[in-house]
Protein backbone atom coordinates (compact mmCIF):
# COMPACT_ATOMS: atom_id res chain seq x y z
CA MET A 1 -0.01 -0.06 -0.01
CA HIS A 2 1.03 3.56 -0.31
CA GLY A 3 1.46 5.77 2.61
CA GLN A 4 2.99 9.16 3.47
CA ARG A 5 5.47 10.54 5.95
CA LEU A 6 6.83 13.81 6.81
CA GLY A 7 10.02 14.65 4.99
CA SER A 8 12.90 16.64 6.45
CA ASP A 9 11.32 19.80 5.01
CA GLY A 10 8.05 19.18 6.76
CA LYS A 11 6.01 18.17 3.59
CA LEU A 12 4.41 14.82 3.09
CA VAL A 13 6.38 12.34 1.03
CA THR A 14 4.66 9.31 -0.54
CA MET A 15 6.17 6.00 0.24
CA GLU A 16 5.50 2.33 -0.04
CA VAL A 17 4.29 0.78 3.27
CA TYR A 18 4.47 -3.00 3.60
CA GLY A 19 1.32 -4.38 5.40
CA PRO A 20 -2.35 -5.19 4.95
CA ALA A 21 -4.19 -2.95 2.43
CA SER A 22 -7.23 -2.57 4.72
CA VAL A 23 -8.49 -2.83 8.41
CA ASP A 24 -10.41 -5.87 7.44
CA GLU A 25 -7.36 -7.67 6.03
CA TRP A 26 -5.41 -6.60 9.16
CA GLU A 27 -8.06 -7.98 11.49
CA ARG A 28 -7.82 -11.32 9.88
CA CYS A 29 -4.10 -11.34 10.45
CA PHE A 30 -4.39 -10.10 13.90
CA LEU A 31 -6.96 -12.74 15.00
CA ILE A 32 -4.03 -15.39 14.42
CA PHE A 33 -1.83 -13.12 16.79
CA ARG A 34 -4.89 -13.00 19.12
CA VAL A 35 -5.27 -16.71 19.41
CA CYS A 36 -1.47 -17.14 20.06
CA CYS A 37 -1.56 -14.59 22.80
CA ILE A 38 -4.61 -16.32 24.41
CA MET A 39 -3.09 -19.54 24.08
CA TYR A 40 0.16 -18.66 25.77
CA ASP A 41 -1.53 -16.61 28.38
CA LEU A 42 0.30 -13.46 27.42
CA VAL A 43 -2.64 -10.93 26.82
CA SER A 44 -6.23 -11.34 27.93
CA GLN A 45 -8.94 -11.86 25.36
CA GLU A 46 -10.76 -8.73 26.49
CA LEU A 47 -7.69 -6.48 26.05
CA LEU A 48 -7.18 -7.94 22.53
CA ASP A 49 -10.72 -7.32 21.63
CA GLN A 50 -10.52 -3.89 22.88
CA HIS A 51 -7.34 -3.34 20.78
CA ILE A 52 -9.16 -4.38 17.57
CA ALA A 53 -12.19 -2.08 18.46
CA LYS A 54 -9.79 0.84 19.05
CA ILE A 55 -8.08 0.29 15.68
CA ARG A 56 -11.43 0.11 13.87
CA GLU A 57 -12.50 3.32 15.79
CA PHE A 58 -9.46 5.22 14.53
CA VAL A 59 -10.20 4.10 10.96
CA LYS A 60 -13.73 5.08 11.24
CA ARG A 61 -12.90 8.59 12.69
CA TYR A 62 -9.92 9.37 10.32
CA GLY A 63 -11.16 7.54 7.20
CA HIS A 64 -9.70 4.73 4.95
CA ALA A 65 -7.12 7.30 3.52
CA ALA A 66 -5.47 7.33 6.99
CA TRP A 67 -5.15 3.62 7.20
CA PRO A 68 -1.32 3.53 6.43
CA PHE A 69 -0.71 5.89 9.35
CA VAL A 70 -3.08 3.84 11.66
CA TYR A 71 -1.25 0.76 10.65
CA GLN A 72 2.20 1.99 11.01
CA VAL A 73 1.28 3.11 14.75
CA GLU A 74 -0.37 -0.04 15.55
CA ALA A 75 2.66 -2.11 14.18
CA ARG A 76 5.23 -0.12 16.16
CA THR A 77 3.14 -0.18 19.22
CA ARG A 78 2.89 -3.99 19.16
CA GLN A 79 6.54 -4.49 18.19
CA GLU A 80 8.13 -1.82 20.53
CA HIS A 81 5.70 -1.01 23.37
CA ALA A 82 3.87 -4.14 24.03
CA PRO A 83 7.15 -6.20 25.10
CA ARG A 84 8.00 -3.39 27.66
CA VAL A 85 4.49 -3.52 29.17
């Protein structure tokens, strides 16, 4: 998918972002992650379901055009912040 980021001059620069093209595709992949977290007792089912709802809320609030931004934040949170918590 194509997304944008802020360049050094403060303008948006188009870039290719690797990941699911839509929130529906993301959720299908996340459900596998969810099952593994529940199976190994890493995160509760309730928190994982709340996370899905929050991501869907962001897409609804900011529109599908903002999906690359939402996905980047979600992926970095899951990779960097979740292990610390």
